[in-house]
């Protein structure tokens, strides 16, 4: 049975940089999706991974969600918002 999605809240720090509330984001392989939520527009790009979709729902006015990850590894990803880019990581665990 899949676990619930890993929810990551994005905020802008004092210099306007988009910052996740978790870094790295730890996700169970084949069992969890990642959902980033923010009150401002943003984009996510994950090196070597393309199953990313955008929308809006009750959690936030802007969100982005992945599919399941199939490899145990670390992914570098980029959050672009407010004209700035931050490069944290997603870690896929067993």
PDB file of N, CA and C in Angstrom:
ATOM      1  N   UNK A   1       0.847  -1.185   0.000  1.00  0.00           N
ATOM      2  CA  UNK A   1       0.000   0.000   0.000  1.00  0.00           C
ATOM      3  C   UNK A   1       0.893   1.250   0.000  1.00  0.00           C
ATOM      4  N   UNK A   2       0.658   2.170  -0.925  1.00  0.00           N
ATOM      5  CA  UNK A   2       1.501   3.371  -0.992  1.00  0.00           C
ATOM      6  C   UNK A   2       1.346   4.255   0.245  1.00  0.00           C
ATOM      7  N   UNK A   3       2.434   4.876   0.626  1.00  0.00           N
ATOM      8  CA  UNK A   3       2.381   5.874   1.686  1.00  0.00           C
ATOM      9  C   UNK A   3       1.789   7.150   1.126  1.00  0.00           C
ATOM     10  N   UNK A   4       1.419   8.052   2.021  1.00  0.00           N
ATOM     11  CA  UNK A   4       0.901   9.328   1.545  1.00  0.00           C
ATOM     12  C   UNK A   4       2.035  10.133   0.899  1.00  0.00           C
ATOM     13  N   UNK A   5       1.641  11.066   0.054  1.00  0.00           N
ATOM     14  CA  UNK A   5       2.622  11.908  -0.621  1.00  0.00           C
ATOM     15  C   UNK A   5       3.464  12.663   0.396  1.00  0.00           C
ATOM     16  N   UNK A   6       4.712  12.923   0.024  1.00  0.00           N
ATOM     17  CA  UNK A   6       5.603  13.761   0.838  1.00  0.00           C
ATOM     18  C   UNK A   6       5.299  15.203   0.439  1.00  0.00           C
ATOM     19  N   UNK A   7       4.833  16.017   1.375  1.00  0.00           N
ATOM     20  CA  UNK A   7       4.480  17.403   1.084  1.00  0.00           C
ATOM     21  C   UNK A   7       5.623  18.312   1.531  1.00  0.00           C
ATOM     22  N   UNK A   8       6.086  19.143   0.599  1.00  0.00           N
ATOM     23  CA  UNK A   8       7.176  20.075   0.864  1.00  0.00           C
ATOM     24  C   UNK A   8       6.624  21.486   0.685  1.00  0.00           C
ATOM     25  N   UNK A   9       6.735  22.291   1.728  1.00  0.00           N
ATOM     26  CA  UNK A   9       6.238  23.668   1.681  1.00  0.00           C
ATOM     27  C   UNK A   9       7.375  24.588   1.264  1.00  0.00           C
ATOM     28  N   UNK A  10       7.136  25.441   0.282  1.00  0.00           N
ATOM     29  CA  UNK A  10       8.128  26.415  -0.168  1.00  0.00           C
ATOM     30  C   UNK A  10       7.799  27.788   0.397  1.00  0.00           C
ATOM     31  N   UNK A  11       8.840  28.492   0.812  1.00  0.00           N
ATOM     32  CA  UNK A  11       8.712  29.871   1.270  1.00  0.00           C
ATOM     33  C   UNK A  11       9.808  30.691   0.619  1.00  0.00           C
ATOM     34  N   UNK A  12       9.662  31.989   0.663  1.00  0.00           N
ATOM     35  CA  UNK A  12      10.724  32.870   0.194  1.00  0.00           C
ATOM     36  C   UNK A  12      11.475  33.383   1.414  1.00  0.00           C
ATOM     37  N   UNK A  13      12.806  33.253   1.404  1.00  0.00           N
ATOM     38  CA  UNK A  13      13.574  33.767   2.536  1.00  0.00           C
ATOM     39  C   UNK A  13      13.708  35.288   2.424  1.00  0.00           C
ATOM     40  N   UNK A  14      14.448  35.903   3.319  1.00  0.00           N
ATOM     41  CA  UNK A  14      14.526  37.361   3.362  1.00  0.00           C
ATOM     42  C   UNK A  14      15.135  37.967   2.103  1.00  0.00           C
ATOM     43  N   UNK A  15      15.927  37.192   1.363  1.00  0.00           N
ATOM     44  CA  UNK A  15      16.487  37.713   0.106  1.00  0.00           C
ATOM     45  C   UNK A  15      15.641  37.316  -1.113  1.00  0.00           C
ATOM     46  N   UNK A  16      14.470  36.686  -0.879  1.00  0.00           N
ATOM     47  CA  UNK A  16      13.573  36.329  -1.976  1.00  0.00           C
ATOM     48  C   UNK A  16      13.885  34.992  -2.623  1.00  0.00           C
ATOM     49  N   UNK A  17      14.791  34.209  -2.036  1.00  0.00           N
ATOM     50  CA  UNK A  17      15.153  32.888  -2.562  1.00  0.00           C
ATOM     51  C   UNK A  17      14.085  31.872  -2.157  1.00  0.00           C
ATOM     52  N   UNK A  18      13.608  31.020  -3.107  1.00  0.00           N
ATOM     53  CA  UNK A  18      12.655  29.972  -2.733  1.00  0.00           C
ATOM     54  C   UNK A  18      13.369  28.878  -1.935  1.00  0.00           C
ATOM     55  N   UNK A  19      12.829  28.555  -0.753  1.00  0.00           N
ATOM     56  CA  UNK A  19      13.473  27.610   0.153  1.00  0.00           C
ATOM     57  C   UNK A  19      12.464  26.529   0.570  1.00  0.00           C
ATOM     58  N   UNK A  20      12.828  25.239   0.428  1.00  0.00           N
ATOM     59  CA  UNK A  20      11.942  24.167   0.878  1.00  0.00           C
ATOM     60  C   UNK A  20      12.042  23.981   2.390  1.00  0.00           C
ATOM     61  N   UNK A  21      10.983  23.464   3.014  1.00  0.00           N
ATOM     62  CA  UNK A  21      11.031  23.223   4.455  1.00  0.00           C
ATOM     63  C   UNK A  21      11.765  21.926   4.800  1.00  0.00           C
ATOM     64  N   UNK A  22      12.234  21.188   3.776  1.00  0.00           N
ATOM     65  CA  UNK A  22      13.022  19.975   3.973  1.00  0.00           C
ATOM     66  C   UNK A  22      14.128  19.939   2.929  1.00  0.00           C
ATOM     67  N   UNK A  23      15.341  19.618   3.335  1.00  0.00           N
ATOM     68  CA  UNK A  23      16.441  19.449   2.385  1.00  0.00           C
ATOM     69  C   UNK A  23      17.507  18.564   3.022  1.00  0.00           C
ATOM     70  N   UNK A  24      17.690  17.353   2.511  1.00  0.00           N
ATOM     71  CA  UNK A  24      17.002  16.816   1.343  1.00  0.00           C
ATOM     72  C   UNK A  24      15.587  16.342   1.693  1.00  0.00           C
ATOM     73  N   UNK A  25      14.766  16.188   0.661  1.00  0.00           N
ATOM     74  CA  UNK A  25      13.447  15.594   0.810  1.00  0.00           C
ATOM     75  C   UNK A  25      13.653  14.084   0.708  1.00  0.00           C
ATOM     76  N   UNK A  26      13.281  13.335   1.734  1.00  0.00           N
ATOM     77  CA  UNK A  26      13.450  11.876   1.722  1.00  0.00           C
ATOM     78  C   UNK A  26      12.139  11.214   1.313  1.00  0.00           C
ATOM     79  N   UNK A  27      12.206  10.400   0.251  1.00  0.00           N
ATOM     80  CA  UNK A  27      11.031   9.786  -0.353  1.00  0.00           C
ATOM     81  C   UNK A  27      11.249   8.286  -0.474  1.00  0.00           C
ATOM     82  N   UNK A  28      10.228   7.496  -0.180  1.00  0.00           N
ATOM     83  CA  UNK A  28      10.341   6.042  -0.301  1.00  0.00           C
ATOM     84  C   UNK A  28      10.203   5.612  -1.762  1.00  0.00           C
ATOM     85  N   UNK A  29      11.185   4.833  -2.212  1.00  0.00           N
ATOM     86  CA  UNK A  29      11.233   4.352  -3.599  1.00  0.00           C
ATOM     87  C   UNK A  29       9.950   3.586  -3.956  1.00  0.00           C
ATOM     88  N   UNK A  30       9.328   3.982  -5.086  1.00  0.00           N
ATOM     89  CA  UNK A  30       8.148   3.301  -5.597  1.00  0.00           C
ATOM     90  C   UNK A  30       6.931   3.395  -4.701  1.00  0.00           C
ATOM     91  N   UNK A  31       6.974   4.252  -3.675  1.00  0.00           N
ATOM     92  CA  UNK A  31       5.929   4.260  -2.674  1.00  0.00           C
ATOM     93  C   UNK A  31       5.379   5.643  -2.357  1.00  0.00           C
ATOM     94  N   UNK A  32       6.136   6.696  -2.653  1.00  0.00           N
ATOM     95  CA  UNK A  32       5.690   8.057  -2.354  1.00  0.00           C
ATOM     96  C   UNK A  32       5.950   8.971  -3.538  1.00  0.00           C
ATOM     97  N   UNK A  33       5.078   9.953  -3.688  1.00  0.00           N
ATOM     98  CA  UNK A  33       5.286  11.044  -4.638  1.00  0.00           C
ATOM     99  C   UNK A  33       5.637  12.288  -3.827  1.00  0.00           C
ATOM    100  N   UNK A  34       6.278  13.252  -4.479  1.00  0.00           N
ATOM    101  CA  UNK A  34       6.595  14.512  -3.800  1.00  0.00           C
ATOM    102  C   UNK A  34       5.640  15.585  -4.314  1.00  0.00           C
ATOM    103  N   UNK A  35       5.121  16.370  -3.402  1.00  0.00           N
ATOM    104  CA  UNK A  35       4.242  17.480  -3.768  1.00  0.00           C
ATOM    105  C   UNK A  35       4.797  18.744  -3.127  1.00  0.00           C
ATOM    106  N   UNK A  36       5.228  19.683  -3.967  1.00  0.00           N
ATOM    107  CA  UNK A  36       5.701  20.983  -3.484  1.00  0.00           C
ATOM    108  C   UNK A  36       4.531  21.946  -3.503  1.00  0.00           C
ATOM    109  N   UNK A  37       4.361  22.742  -2.449  1.00  0.00           N
ATOM    110  CA  UNK A  37       3.256  23.699  -2.337  1.00  0.00           C
ATOM    111  C   UNK A  37       3.807  25.077  -1.977  1.00  0.00           C
ATOM    112  N   UNK A  38       3.218  26.110  -2.583  1.00  0.00           N
ATOM    113  CA  UNK A  38       3.632  27.481  -2.277  1.00  0.00           C
ATOM    114  C   UNK A  38       2.474  28.432  -2.540  1.00  0.00           C
ATOM    115  N   UNK A  39       2.586  29.616  -1.961  1.00  0.00           N
ATOM    116  CA  UNK A  39       1.593  30.661  -2.186  1.00  0.00           C
ATOM    117  C   UNK A  39       2.045  31.613  -3.284  1.00  0.00           C
ATOM    118  N   UNK A  40       3.030  31.203  -4.068  1.00  0.00           N
ATOM    119  CA  UNK A  40       3.563  32.016  -5.170  1.00  0.00           C
ATOM    120  C   UNK A  40       3.895  31.070  -6.329  1.00  0.00           C
ATOM    121  N   UNK A  41       3.939  31.588  -7.555  1.00  0.00           N
ATOM    122  CA  UNK A  41       4.271  30.738  -8.701  1.00  0.00           C
ATOM    123  C   UNK A  41       5.726  30.272  -8.642  1.00  0.00           C
ATOM    124  N   UNK A  42       5.943  29.017  -9.041  1.00  0.00           N
ATOM    125  CA  UNK A  42       7.294  28.461  -9.067  1.00  0.00           C
ATOM    126  C   UNK A  42       7.356  27.338 -10.089  1.00  0.00           C
ATOM    127  N   UNK A  43       8.559  26.947 -10.461  1.00  0.00           N
ATOM    128  CA  UNK A  43       8.753  25.758 -11.288  1.00  0.00           C
ATOM    129  C   UNK A  43       9.789  24.871 -10.610  1.00  0.00           C
ATOM    130  N   UNK A  44       9.652  23.571 -10.878  1.00  0.00           N
ATOM    131  CA  UNK A  44      10.588  22.565 -10.363  1.00  0.00           C
ATOM    132  C   UNK A  44      11.153  21.818 -11.560  1.00  0.00           C
ATOM    133  N   UNK A  45      12.464  21.647 -11.591  1.00  0.00           N
ATOM    134  CA  UNK A  45      13.063  20.756 -12.584  1.00  0.00           C
ATOM    135  C   UNK A  45      14.013  19.825 -11.841  1.00  0.00           C
ATOM    136  N   UNK A  46      13.925  18.531 -12.161  1.00  0.00           N
ATOM    137  CA  UNK A  46      14.701  17.510 -11.468  1.00  0.00           C
ATOM    138  C   UNK A  46      15.653  16.881 -12.475  1.00  0.00           C
ATOM    139  N   UNK A  47      16.950  16.918 -12.164  1.00  0.00           N
ATOM    140  CA  UNK A  47      17.954  16.342 -13.062  1.00  0.00           C
ATOM    141  C   UNK A  47      17.681  14.853 -13.279  1.00  0.00           C
ATOM    142  N   UNK A  48      17.503  14.445 -14.546  1.00  0.00           N
ATOM    143  CA  UNK A  48      17.318  13.042 -14.878  1.00  0.00           C
ATOM    144  C   UNK A  48      15.948  12.486 -14.558  1.00  0.00           C
ATOM    145  N   UNK A  49      14.946  13.355 -14.353  1.00  0.00           N
ATOM    146  CA  UNK A  49      13.594  12.907 -14.000  1.00  0.00           C
ATOM    147  C   UNK A  49      12.597  13.875 -14.611  1.00  0.00           C
ATOM    148  N   UNK A  50      11.532  13.354 -15.242  1.00  0.00           N
ATOM    149  CA  UNK A  50      10.631  14.263 -15.954  1.00  0.00           C
ATOM    150  C   UNK A  50       9.153  14.133 -15.589  1.00  0.00           C
ATOM    151  N   UNK A  51       8.772  13.239 -14.684  1.00  0.00           N
ATOM    152  CA  UNK A  51       7.355  13.043 -14.349  1.00  0.00           C
ATOM    153  C   UNK A  51       6.913  14.081 -13.320  1.00  0.00           C
ATOM    154  N   UNK A  52       6.692  15.324 -13.800  1.00  0.00           N
ATOM    155  CA  UNK A  52       6.349  16.453 -12.940  1.00  0.00           C
ATOM    156  C   UNK A  52       5.124  17.151 -13.528  1.00  0.00           C
ATOM    157  N   UNK A  53       4.117  17.420 -12.690  1.00  0.00           N
ATOM    158  CA  UNK A  53       2.922  18.120 -13.175  1.00  0.00           C
ATOM    159  C   UNK A  53       2.573  19.247 -12.203  1.00  0.00           C
ATOM    160  N   UNK A  54       1.854  20.244 -12.721  1.00  0.00           N
ATOM    161  CA  UNK A  54       1.505  21.440 -11.939  1.00  0.00           C
ATOM    162  C   UNK A  54       0.001  21.557 -11.795  1.00  0.00           C
ATOM    163  N   UNK A  55      -0.418  22.240 -10.719  1.00  0.00           N
ATOM    164  CA  UNK A  55      -1.838  22.468 -10.502  1.00  0.00           C
ATOM    165  C   UNK A  55      -2.050  23.374  -9.305  1.00  0.00           C
ATOM    166  N   UNK A  56      -3.267  23.361  -8.788  1.00  0.00           N
ATOM    167  CA  UNK A  56      -3.605  24.104  -7.576  1.00  0.00           C
ATOM    168  C   UNK A  56      -4.680  23.301  -6.868  1.00  0.00           C
ATOM    169  N   UNK A  57      -4.643  23.311  -5.544  1.00  0.00           N
ATOM    170  CA  UNK A  57      -5.675  22.620  -4.791  1.00  0.00           C
ATOM    171  C   UNK A  57      -5.791  23.246  -3.407  1.00  0.00           C
ATOM    172  N   UNK A  58      -6.403  22.542  -2.486  1.00  0.00           N
ATOM    173  CA  UNK A  58      -6.634  23.089  -1.157  1.00  0.00           C
ATOM    174  C   UNK A  58      -5.371  23.333  -0.353  1.00  0.00           C
ATOM    175  N   UNK A  59      -4.245  22.663  -0.710  1.00  0.00           N
ATOM    176  CA  UNK A  59      -3.014  22.832   0.068  1.00  0.00           C
ATOM    177  C   UNK A  59      -2.330  24.173  -0.190  1.00  0.00           C
ATOM    178  N   UNK A  60      -2.462  24.684  -1.412  1.00  0.00           N
ATOM    179  CA  UNK A  60      -1.781  25.932  -1.764  1.00  0.00           C
ATOM    180  C   UNK A  60      -2.312  26.436  -3.089  1.00  0.00           C
ATOM    181  N   UNK A  61      -2.062  27.706  -3.365  1.00  0.00           N
ATOM    182  CA  UNK A  61      -2.518  28.262  -4.639  1.00  0.00           C
ATOM    183  C   UNK A  61      -1.665  27.769  -5.810  1.00  0.00           C
ATOM    184  N   UNK A  62      -0.460  27.263  -5.509  1.00  0.00           N
ATOM    185  CA  UNK A  62       0.422  26.719  -6.548  1.00  0.00           C
ATOM    186  C   UNK A  62       1.027  25.422  -6.020  1.00  0.00           C
ATOM    187  N   UNK A  63       1.016  24.376  -6.869  1.00  0.00           N
ATOM    188  CA  UNK A  63       1.712  23.164  -6.457  1.00  0.00           C
ATOM    189  C   UNK A  63       2.256  22.408  -7.649  1.00  0.00           C
ATOM    190  N   UNK A  64       3.150  21.480  -7.351  1.00  0.00           N
ATOM    191  CA  UNK A  64       3.833  20.669  -8.338  1.00  0.00           C
ATOM    192  C   UNK A  64       3.956  19.277  -7.742  1.00  0.00           C
ATOM    193  N   UNK A  65       3.699  18.239  -8.543  1.00  0.00           N
ATOM    194  CA  UNK A  65       3.721  16.879  -8.021  1.00  0.00           C
ATOM    195  C   UNK A  65       4.502  15.957  -8.952  1.00  0.00           C
ATOM    196  N   UNK A  66       5.259  15.034  -8.350  1.00  0.00           N
ATOM    197  CA  UNK A  66       6.005  14.039  -9.133  1.00  0.00           C
ATOM    198  C   UNK A  66       5.204  12.747  -9.216  1.00  0.00           C
ATOM    199  N   UNK A  67       5.703  11.838 -10.030  1.00  0.00           N
ATOM    200  CA  UNK A  67       5.252  10.455  -9.995  1.00  0.00           C
ATOM    201  C   UNK A  67       6.093   9.719  -8.969  1.00  0.00           C
ATOM    202  N   UNK A  68       6.081   8.390  -9.051  1.00  0.00           N
ATOM    203  CA  UNK A  68       6.914   7.592  -8.158  1.00  0.00           C
ATOM    204  C   UNK A  68       8.345   7.545  -8.678  1.00  0.00           C
ATOM    205  N   UNK A  69       9.297   7.450  -7.777  1.00  0.00           N
ATOM    206  CA  UNK A  69      10.711   7.310  -8.143  1.00  0.00           C
ATOM    207  C   UNK A  69      11.061   5.827  -8.081  1.00  0.00           C
ATOM    208  N   UNK A  70      11.861   5.339  -9.039  1.00  0.00           N
ATOM    209  CA  UNK A  70      12.155   3.903  -9.124  1.00  0.00           C
ATOM    210  C   UNK A  70      13.596   3.547  -8.794  1.00  0.00           C
ATOM    211  N   UNK A  71      14.454   4.539  -8.559  1.00  0.00           N
ATOM    212  CA  UNK A  71      15.850   4.268  -8.234  1.00  0.00           C
ATOM    213  C   UNK A  71      16.197   4.860  -6.881  1.00  0.00           C
ATOM    214  N   UNK A  72      16.978   4.099  -6.086  1.00  0.00           N
ATOM    215  CA  UNK A  72      17.481   4.651  -4.825  1.00  0.00           C
ATOM    216  C   UNK A  72      18.697   5.507  -5.156  1.00  0.00           C
ATOM    217  N   UNK A  73      18.535   6.796  -5.095  1.00  0.00           N
ATOM    218  CA  UNK A  73      19.631   7.726  -5.384  1.00  0.00           C
ATOM    219  C   UNK A  73      19.251   9.117  -4.924  1.00  0.00           C
ATOM    220  N   UNK A  74      20.173  10.046  -5.065  1.00  0.00           N
ATOM    221  CA  UNK A  74      19.893  11.458  -4.771  1.00  0.00           C
ATOM    222  C   UNK A  74      19.703  12.182  -6.098  1.00  0.00           C
ATOM    223  N   UNK A  75      18.680  13.000  -6.164  1.00  0.00           N
ATOM    224  CA  UNK A  75      18.418  13.838  -7.336  1.00  0.00           C
ATOM    225  C   UNK A  75      18.634  15.289  -6.929  1.00  0.00           C
ATOM    226  N   UNK A  76      19.396  16.015  -7.711  1.00  0.00           N
ATOM    227  CA  UNK A  76      19.505  17.463  -7.549  1.00  0.00           C
ATOM    228  C   UNK A  76      18.302  18.046  -8.282  1.00  0.00           C
ATOM    229  N   UNK A  77      17.621  18.994  -7.672  1.00  0.00           N
ATOM    230  CA  UNK A  77      16.511  19.649  -8.366  1.00  0.00           C
ATOM    231  C   UNK A  77      16.604  21.150  -8.196  1.00  0.00           C
ATOM    232  N   UNK A  78      15.917  21.866  -9.067  1.00  0.00           N
ATOM    233  CA  UNK A  78      15.936  23.324  -9.036  1.00  0.00           C
ATOM    234  C   UNK A  78      14.537  23.857  -8.792  1.00  0.00           C
ATOM    235  N   UNK A  79      14.459  24.813  -7.876  1.00  0.00           N
ATOM    236  CA  UNK A  79      13.226  25.566  -7.635  1.00  0.00           C
ATOM    237  C   UNK A  79      13.462  26.957  -8.204  1.00  0.00           C
ATOM    238  N   UNK A  80      12.658  27.358  -9.169  1.00  0.00           N
ATOM    239  CA  UNK A  80      12.764  28.704  -9.733  1.00  0.00           C
ATOM    240  C   UNK A  80      11.524  29.497  -9.328  1.00  0.00           C
ATOM    241  N   UNK A  81      11.759  30.635  -8.689  1.00  0.00           N
ATOM    242  CA  UNK A  81      10.658  31.518  -8.278  1.00  0.00           C
ATOM    243  C   UNK A  81      11.233  32.888  -7.973  1.00  0.00           C
ATOM    244  N   UNK A  82      10.440  33.900  -8.209  1.00  0.00           N
ATOM    245  CA  UNK A  82      10.824  35.252  -7.832  1.00  0.00           C
ATOM    246  C   UNK A  82      12.141  35.682  -8.494  1.00  0.00           C
ATOM    247  N   UNK A  83      12.432  35.118  -9.678  1.00  0.00           N
ATOM    248  CA  UNK A  83      13.660  35.461 -10.398  1.00  0.00           C
ATOM    249  C   UNK A  83      14.916  34.836  -9.816  1.00  0.00           C
ATOM    250  N   UNK A  84      14.755  33.894  -8.875  1.00  0.00           N
ATOM    251  CA  UNK A  84      15.914  33.246  -8.238  1.00  0.00           C
ATOM    252  C   UNK A  84      15.785  31.732  -8.352  1.00  0.00           C
ATOM    253  N   UNK A  85      16.920  31.025  -8.259  1.00  0.00           N
ATOM    254  CA  UNK A  85      16.939  29.568  -8.360  1.00  0.00           C
ATOM    255  C   UNK A  85      17.678  28.984  -7.164  1.00  0.00           C
ATOM    256  N   UNK A  86      17.059  27.972  -6.557  1.00  0.00           N
ATOM    257  CA  UNK A  86      17.679  27.234  -5.458  1.00  0.00           C
ATOM    258  C   UNK A  86      17.817  25.780  -5.903  1.00  0.00           C
ATOM    259  N   UNK A  87      18.906  25.103  -5.519  1.00  0.00           N
ATOM    260  CA  UNK A  87      19.179  23.740  -5.967  1.00  0.00           C
ATOM    261  C   UNK A  87      19.331  22.761  -4.801  1.00  0.00           C
ATOM    262  N   UNK A  88      18.230  22.386  -4.135  1.00  0.00           N
ATOM    263  CA  UNK A  88      18.305  21.385  -3.080  1.00  0.00           C
ATOM    264  C   UNK A  88      18.283  19.960  -3.664  1.00  0.00           C
ATOM    265  N   UNK A  89      18.014  18.949  -2.813  1.00  0.00           N
ATOM    266  CA  UNK A  89      18.029  17.557  -3.270  1.00  0.00           C
ATOM    267  C   UNK A  89      16.806  16.769  -2.801  1.00  0.00           C
ATOM    268  N   UNK A  90      16.507  15.719  -3.600  1.00  0.00           N
ATOM    269  CA  UNK A  90      15.549  14.689  -3.216  1.00  0.00           C
ATOM    270  C   UNK A  90      16.365  13.415  -3.037  1.00  0.00           C
ATOM    271  N   UNK A  91      16.170  12.727  -1.913  1.00  0.00           N
ATOM    272  CA  UNK A  91      16.875  11.462  -1.666  1.00  0.00           C
ATOM    273  C   UNK A  91      15.848  10.333  -1.672  1.00  0.00           C
ATOM    274  N   UNK A  92      16.058   9.352  -2.555  1.00  0.00           N
ATOM    275  CA  UNK A  92      15.153   8.210  -2.655  1.00  0.00           C
ATOM    276  C   UNK A  92      15.704   7.107  -1.747  1.00  0.00           C
ATOM    277  N   UNK A  93      14.889   6.654  -0.800  1.00  0.00           N
ATOM    278  CA  UNK A  93      15.307   5.651   0.180  1.00  0.00           C
ATOM    279  C   UNK A  93      14.503   4.362  -0.020  1.00  0.00           C
ATOM    280  N   UNK A  94      15.017   3.229   0.489  1.00  0.00           N
ATOM    281  CA  UNK A  94      14.302   1.950   0.306  1.00  0.00           C
ATOM    282  C   UNK A  94      12.926   1.939   0.968  1.00  0.00           C
TER     283      UNK A  94
END
